[in-house]
Amino acid sequence: MRTFEEIYCERHNCSPKEFSRRLFWKCLHRRAVPIAPVILLVNWDYFFPDRDLISQVRRSEKLNQVWEELREYFIHPNHQGFLRRRLNIRLSGRRLIEIAKQYLPASGSPPPPYSS
């Protein structure tokens, strides 16, 4: 089977590096978009958990694998703090799932609800 990254890159004629960048910006919560460039300049590592999530889902071949990675993302210790939890300065799980649905076959059912 083909991966999320392979399918996405083929349909959008982009490189794997562009896949990561595009997915990051498409999946950011709306309120995070204006402040993200400043955060990236000041503290590049702030978005490490988000970049790590993208790194994990890029290899997904089915939608349930994306769900599993999201579950891990939301319980990971690096996914703490006021900016992430209260202000949603992070990736949106809902956005990621909606995008992944366009490229990956569904299988099984999603895990228990998560906070996006």
C-alpha atoms as a PDB file:
ATOM      1  CA  MET A   1       0.000   0.000   0.000  1.00  0.00           C
ATOM      2  CA  ARG A   2       1.017   3.585  -0.536  1.00  0.00           C
ATOM      3  CA  THR A   3       1.594   6.028   2.287  1.00  0.00           C
ATOM      4  CA  PHE A   4      -0.186   9.268   3.096  1.00  0.00           C
ATOM      5  CA  GLU A   5       2.928  11.184   2.065  1.00  0.00           C
ATOM      6  CA  GLU A   6       3.272   9.359  -1.270  1.00  0.00           C
ATOM      7  CA  ILE A   7      -0.366   9.882  -2.229  1.00  0.00           C
ATOM      8  CA  TYR A   8      -0.417  13.521  -1.107  1.00  0.00           C
ATOM      9  CA  CYS A   9       2.835  14.374  -2.892  1.00  0.00           C
ATOM     10  CA  GLU A  10       1.701  12.699  -6.092  1.00  0.00           C
ATOM     11  CA  ARG A  11      -1.635  14.552  -6.149  1.00  0.00           C
ATOM     12  CA  HIS A  12      -0.072  17.916  -5.304  1.00  0.00           C
ATOM     13  CA  ASN A  13       3.190  17.466  -7.208  1.00  0.00           C
ATOM     14  CA  CYS A  14       5.311  18.252  -4.163  1.00  0.00           C
ATOM     15  CA  SER A  15       8.373  16.845  -2.434  1.00  0.00           C
ATOM     16  CA  PRO A  16       8.337  15.004   0.913  1.00  0.00           C
ATOM     17  CA  LYS A  17       9.844  18.103   2.562  1.00  0.00           C
ATOM     18  CA  GLU A  18       7.010  20.199   1.153  1.00  0.00           C
ATOM     19  CA  PHE A  19       4.525  17.606   2.446  1.00  0.00           C
ATOM     20  CA  SER A  20       5.656  18.262   6.015  1.00  0.00           C
ATOM     21  CA  ARG A  21       5.559  22.039   5.636  1.00  0.00           C
ATOM     22  CA  ARG A  22       2.191  22.080   3.885  1.00  0.00           C
ATOM     23  CA  LEU A  23       0.570  19.692   6.336  1.00  0.00           C
ATOM     24  CA  PHE A  24       1.901  21.700   9.282  1.00  0.00           C
ATOM     25  CA  TRP A  25       0.364  24.961   8.036  1.00  0.00           C
ATOM     26  CA  LYS A  26      -2.898  23.345   6.889  1.00  0.00           C
ATOM     27  CA  CYS A  27      -3.396  21.604  10.234  1.00  0.00           C
ATOM     28  CA  LEU A  28      -2.610  24.502  12.576  1.00  0.00           C
ATOM     29  CA  HIS A  29      -5.530  25.748  14.611  1.00  0.00           C
ATOM     30  CA  ARG A  30      -6.780  28.998  13.106  1.00  0.00           C
ATOM     31  CA  ARG A  31      -5.804  31.024  16.167  1.00  0.00           C
ATOM     32  CA  ALA A  32      -2.277  29.583  15.961  1.00  0.00           C
ATOM     33  CA  VAL A  33      -1.658  30.699  12.374  1.00  0.00           C
ATOM     34  CA  PRO A  34      -0.886  34.388  13.065  1.00  0.00           C
ATOM     35  CA  ILE A  35       1.340  33.691  16.072  1.00  0.00           C
ATOM     36  CA  ALA A  36       3.157  30.588  14.750  1.00  0.00           C
ATOM     37  CA  PRO A  37       5.813  32.501  12.736  1.00  0.00           C
ATOM     38  CA  VAL A  38       6.782  34.475  15.852  1.00  0.00           C
ATOM     39  CA  ILE A  39       6.937  31.338  17.986  1.00  0.00           C
ATOM     40  CA  LEU A  40       9.061  29.612  15.353  1.00  0.00           C
ATOM     41  CA  LEU A  41      11.531  32.521  15.375  1.00  0.00           C
ATOM     42  CA  VAL A  42      11.746  32.645  19.158  1.00  0.00           C
ATOM     43  CA  ASN A  43      11.504  28.959  19.999  1.00  0.00           C
ATOM     44  CA  TRP A  44      11.792  26.550  17.055  1.00  0.00           C
ATOM     45  CA  ASP A  45      11.345  23.571  19.381  1.00  0.00           C
ATOM     46  CA  TYR A  46       7.912  24.695  20.579  1.00  0.00           C
ATOM     47  CA  PHE A  47       6.316  22.916  17.620  1.00  0.00           C
ATOM     48  CA  PHE A  48       8.444  19.779  17.999  1.00  0.00           C
ATOM     49  CA  PRO A  49       5.440  17.609  19.070  1.00  0.00           C
ATOM     50  CA  ASP A  50       3.519  18.831  16.025  1.00  0.00           C
ATOM     51  CA  ARG A  51       6.372  18.159  13.617  1.00  0.00           C
ATOM     52  CA  ASP A  52       6.824  14.765  15.253  1.00  0.00           C
ATOM     53  CA  LEU A  53       3.149  13.959  14.683  1.00  0.00           C
ATOM     54  CA  ILE A  54       3.499  14.826  11.001  1.00  0.00           C
ATOM     55  CA  SER A  55       6.603  12.670  10.830  1.00  0.00           C
ATOM     56  CA  GLN A  56       4.612   9.746  12.222  1.00  0.00           C
ATOM     57  CA  VAL A  57       1.471  10.125  10.086  1.00  0.00           C
ATOM     58  CA  ARG A  58       3.421  10.498   6.853  1.00  0.00           C
ATOM     59  CA  ARG A  59       3.971   6.723   6.843  1.00  0.00           C
ATOM     60  CA  SER A  60       0.307   5.895   7.476  1.00  0.00           C
ATOM     61  CA  GLU A  61      -1.374   3.666   4.927  1.00  0.00           C
ATOM     62  CA  LYS A  62      -4.838   3.692   6.529  1.00  0.00           C
ATOM     63  CA  LEU A  63      -6.879   6.278   8.373  1.00  0.00           C
ATOM     64  CA  ASN A  64      -6.926   4.311  11.622  1.00  0.00           C
ATOM     65  CA  GLN A  65      -3.133   4.680  11.801  1.00  0.00           C
ATOM     66  CA  VAL A  66      -3.572   8.463  11.770  1.00  0.00           C
ATOM     67  CA  TRP A  67      -6.142   8.133  14.577  1.00  0.00           C
ATOM     68  CA  GLU A  68      -3.645   6.113  16.625  1.00  0.00           C
ATOM     69  CA  GLU A  69      -0.883   8.669  16.134  1.00  0.00           C
ATOM     70  CA  LEU A  70      -3.280  11.445  17.164  1.00  0.00           C
ATOM     71  CA  ARG A  71      -4.141   9.601  20.348  1.00  0.00           C
ATOM     72  CA  GLU A  72      -0.443   9.349  21.184  1.00  0.00           C
ATOM     73  CA  TYR A  73       0.035  13.032  20.317  1.00  0.00           C
ATOM     74  CA  PHE A  74      -2.638  14.201  22.750  1.00  0.00           C
ATOM     75  CA  ILE A  75      -1.349  12.121  25.674  1.00  0.00           C
ATOM     76  CA  HIS A  76       2.349  12.826  25.090  1.00  0.00           C
ATOM     77  CA  PRO A  77       4.074  14.760  27.928  1.00  0.00           C
ATOM     78  CA  ASN A  78       5.313  17.402  25.448  1.00  0.00           C
ATOM     79  CA  HIS A  79       1.700  18.254  24.680  1.00  0.00           C
ATOM     80  CA  GLN A  80       1.205  20.276  27.852  1.00  0.00           C
ATOM     81  CA  GLY A  81       1.009  23.888  28.840  1.00  0.00           C
ATOM     82  CA  PHE A  82      -1.284  26.857  28.621  1.00  0.00           C
ATOM     83  CA  LEU A  83      -0.536  27.724  24.992  1.00  0.00           C
ATOM     84  CA  ARG A  84      -1.225  24.194  23.754  1.00  0.00           C
ATOM     85  CA  ARG A  85      -4.107  23.159  25.979  1.00  0.00           C
ATOM     86  CA  ARG A  86      -5.998  26.407  26.511  1.00  0.00           C
ATOM     87  CA  LEU A  87      -5.107  28.605  23.536  1.00  0.00           C
ATOM     88  CA  ASN A  88      -4.776  25.764  20.997  1.00  0.00           C
ATOM     89  CA  ILE A  89      -1.422  26.968  19.685  1.00  0.00           C
ATOM     90  CA  ARG A  90      -0.813  23.607  18.058  1.00  0.00           C
ATOM     91  CA  LEU A  91      -2.048  21.340  15.283  1.00  0.00           C
ATOM     92  CA  SER A  92      -5.737  20.586  15.052  1.00  0.00           C
ATOM     93  CA  GLY A  93      -6.542  16.887  15.235  1.00  0.00           C
ATOM     94  CA  ARG A  94      -9.803  17.467  13.401  1.00  0.00           C
ATOM     95  CA  ARG A  95      -8.071  19.221  10.553  1.00  0.00           C
ATOM     96  CA  LEU A  96      -5.506  16.456  10.260  1.00  0.00           C
ATOM     97  CA  ILE A  97      -8.212  13.769  10.130  1.00  0.00           C
ATOM     98  CA  GLU A  98     -10.233  15.704   7.550  1.00  0.00           C
ATOM     99  CA  ILE A  99      -7.179  16.029   5.324  1.00  0.00           C
ATOM    100  CA  ALA A 100      -6.133  12.395   5.811  1.00  0.00           C
ATOM    101  CA  LYS A 101      -9.657  11.224   4.883  1.00  0.00           C
ATOM    102  CA  GLN A 102      -9.089  12.650   1.414  1.00  0.00           C
ATOM    103  CA  TYR A 103      -6.057  10.429   0.810  1.00  0.00           C
ATOM    104  CA  LEU A 104      -6.286   7.288   2.947  1.00  0.00           C
ATOM    105  CA  PRO A 105      -8.720   4.401   3.064  1.00  0.00           C
ATOM    106  CA  ALA A 106     -10.656   3.992   6.281  1.00  0.00           C
ATOM    107  CA  SER A 107     -10.322   0.795   8.263  1.00  0.00           C
ATOM    108  CA  GLY A 108     -11.658  -0.094  11.657  1.00  0.00           C
ATOM    109  CA  SER A 109     -13.159   2.567  13.856  1.00  0.00           C
ATOM    110  CA  PRO A 110     -11.562   5.601  15.438  1.00  0.00           C
ATOM    111  CA  PRO A 111     -10.276   5.356  18.981  1.00  0.00           C
ATOM    112  CA  PRO A 112     -12.223   7.021  21.789  1.00  0.00           C
ATOM    113  CA  PRO A 113     -12.855  10.752  21.320  1.00  0.00           C
ATOM    114  CA  TYR A 114      -9.957  13.129  21.691  1.00  0.00           C
ATOM    115  CA  SER A 115      -9.664  16.854  22.147  1.00  0.00           C
ATOM    116  CA  SER A 116      -8.714  18.665  18.968  1.00  0.00           C
END
